[in-house]
Structures are given as structure tokens and as C-alpha cells.
Amino acid sequence: MKQIENTQSAIQAWSEHAIESGNAKCNHDCRITCKMLTEAMRKEAEMIQFYETIMTECDYPAVNSFVRELLEEKSRIVLHINQKLNEIRACGQVSNGVISECNPEFL
């Protein structure tokens, strides 16, 4: 019963946090970084931590293996988001280089 209460309180805390941090706004300037993808990666990382907590608290084999699969999926998502952020950063650096070569006082 204690595990169920802990899980329910963790879910409630996550829900409240998601509502509170739901005010992320795109600044439409993704030359170097994307604020929205950065926020998405942060939230996915929080979910990974949440699933890790479930795995340590729950010893039911079916739930544990299911949550392990969720963890692997979330880890792939974080990696994919990170790759996209790196692409955006690389493109932005190239753009900055081109702009500075054409008009050094612009930057």
C-alpha cells in the first residue's frame, strides 16, 4: 500500500509540475539553440528519473520489465532530441560564420 501511495504522490507531483512549467514559449530564434527542444529534453529527463524511481520502488516483475522498456524508449527520445539540438547548433554556427564574413559588425 505504501508503494501505491508513493507512486500516486509522485504522479501528482509530476502533473502539478507539468502544469506549472507549461508556460514555455518559443522565441522563434533557433540559430544556436531551440528553447522548446531544450525544454522537451528536460521534461523527458525528468520522466526518466520518475521511471527509475518506479523501478526501485516496485518489485513486481511485469511492471518492472514494462517500466524498463519505457526507460529505454525515453532514453532514445532524449538522445534523438539532443542530436537535433546539435544539428541546430551546428547550422547556427555556420550561419554566424557566413554572416560575420559578409558583415563583421553585424555580430
Protein backbone atom coordinates (compact mmCIF):
# COMPACT_ATOMS: atom_id res chain seq x y z
CA MET A 1 0.00 0.00 0.00
CA LYS A 2 2.89 2.34 0.78
CA GLN A 3 4.29 1.86 -2.74
CA ILE A 4 0.95 2.79 -4.29
CA GLU A 5 0.77 5.96 -2.17
CA ASN A 6 4.34 6.91 -3.14
CA THR A 7 3.62 6.31 -6.82
CA GLN A 8 0.38 8.28 -6.67
CA SER A 9 2.08 11.19 -4.92
CA ALA A 10 4.90 11.10 -7.49
CA ILE A 11 2.36 11.14 -10.33
CA GLN A 12 0.50 14.03 -8.71
CA ALA A 13 3.75 15.97 -8.21
CA TRP A 14 4.69 15.36 -11.84
CA SER A 15 1.26 16.53 -13.03
CA GLU A 16 1.44 19.69 -10.94
CA HIS A 17 4.96 20.41 -12.18
CA ALA A 18 3.90 19.89 -15.80
CA ILE A 19 1.07 22.38 -15.35
CA GLU A 20 3.36 24.92 -13.66
CA SER A 21 6.09 24.67 -16.29
CA GLY A 22 3.65 24.63 -19.19
CA ASN A 23 4.39 28.25 -19.94
CA ALA A 24 7.44 27.61 -22.12
CA LYS A 25 7.30 29.89 -25.12
CA CYS A 26 9.16 29.65 -28.41
CA ASN A 27 11.27 32.71 -29.13
CA HIS A 28 11.46 31.80 -32.87
CA ASP A 29 15.23 32.30 -32.96
CA CYS A 30 16.78 28.86 -33.39
CA ARG A 31 20.10 29.86 -34.89
CA ILE A 32 22.11 28.49 -31.97
CA THR A 33 19.64 26.64 -29.77
CA CYS A 34 15.96 25.78 -29.61
CA LYS A 35 14.28 26.69 -26.34
CA MET A 36 11.36 24.33 -26.98
CA LEU A 37 13.53 21.29 -27.73
CA THR A 38 15.67 22.06 -24.72
CA GLU A 39 12.52 22.12 -22.58
CA ALA A 40 11.33 18.87 -24.18
CA MET A 41 14.64 17.21 -23.37
CA ARG A 42 14.46 18.45 -19.77
CA LYS A 43 10.96 17.02 -19.35
CA GLU A 44 11.94 13.69 -20.88
CA ALA A 45 14.91 13.53 -18.48
CA GLU A 46 12.51 14.15 -15.59
CA MET A 47 10.35 11.28 -16.81
CA ILE A 48 13.41 9.03 -16.90
CA GLN A 49 14.06 9.90 -13.25
CA PHE A 50 10.42 9.19 -12.44
CA TYR A 51 10.54 5.79 -14.14
CA GLU A 52 13.79 4.97 -12.35
CA THR A 53 12.00 5.70 -9.06
CA ILE A 54 9.21 3.35 -10.05
CA MET A 55 11.73 0.61 -10.83
CA THR A 56 13.41 0.95 -7.44
CA GLU A 57 10.08 1.03 -5.58
CA CYS A 58 8.17 -1.65 -7.45
CA ASP A 59 9.39 -5.22 -7.40
CA TYR A 60 6.51 -6.71 -9.42
CA PRO A 61 8.30 -8.34 -12.39
CA ALA A 62 5.72 -7.44 -15.06
CA VAL A 63 5.67 -3.79 -14.03
CA ASN A 64 9.43 -3.65 -13.63
CA SER A 65 10.09 -5.01 -17.13
CA PHE A 66 7.44 -2.69 -18.61
CA VAL A 67 8.98 0.35 -16.94
CA ARG A 68 12.43 -0.78 -18.11
CA GLU A 69 11.10 -0.69 -21.69
CA LEU A 70 9.70 2.79 -21.07
CA LEU A 71 13.10 3.88 -19.76
CA GLU A 72 14.83 2.60 -22.87
CA GLU A 73 12.30 4.41 -25.07
CA LYS A 74 12.68 7.68 -23.15
CA SER A 75 16.48 7.38 -23.34
CA ARG A 76 16.24 7.05 -27.13
CA ILE A 77 13.97 10.11 -27.25
CA VAL A 78 16.43 12.19 -25.19
CA LEU A 79 19.25 11.09 -27.49
CA HIS A 80 17.20 11.99 -30.57
CA ILE A 81 16.34 15.45 -29.18
CA ASN A 82 19.99 16.01 -28.29
CA GLN A 83 21.04 15.10 -31.82
CA LYS A 84 18.56 17.61 -33.27
CA LEU A 85 19.80 20.32 -30.89
CA ASN A 86 23.37 19.60 -32.02
CA GLU A 87 22.27 19.92 -35.66
CA ILE A 88 20.60 23.26 -34.92
CA ARG A 89 23.69 24.47 -33.06
CA ALA A 90 25.99 23.43 -35.92
CA CYS A 91 23.80 25.15 -38.53
CA GLY A 92 23.69 28.28 -36.37
CA GLN A 93 27.44 28.36 -36.04
CA VAL A 94 27.83 28.05 -39.80
CA SER A 95 25.29 30.84 -40.30
CA ASN A 96 27.14 33.04 -37.81
CA GLY A 97 30.39 32.39 -39.66
CA VAL A 98 28.85 33.32 -43.00
CA ILE A 99 27.24 36.46 -41.58
CA SER A 100 30.44 37.57 -39.88
CA GLU A 101 32.42 37.07 -43.10
CA CYS A 102 29.93 39.20 -45.06
CA ASN A 103 29.33 41.85 -42.42
CA PRO A 104 31.63 41.63 -39.35
CA GLU A 105 29.90 44.44 -37.45
CA PHE A 106 26.54 42.59 -37.66
CA LEU A 107 27.56 40.21 -34.88
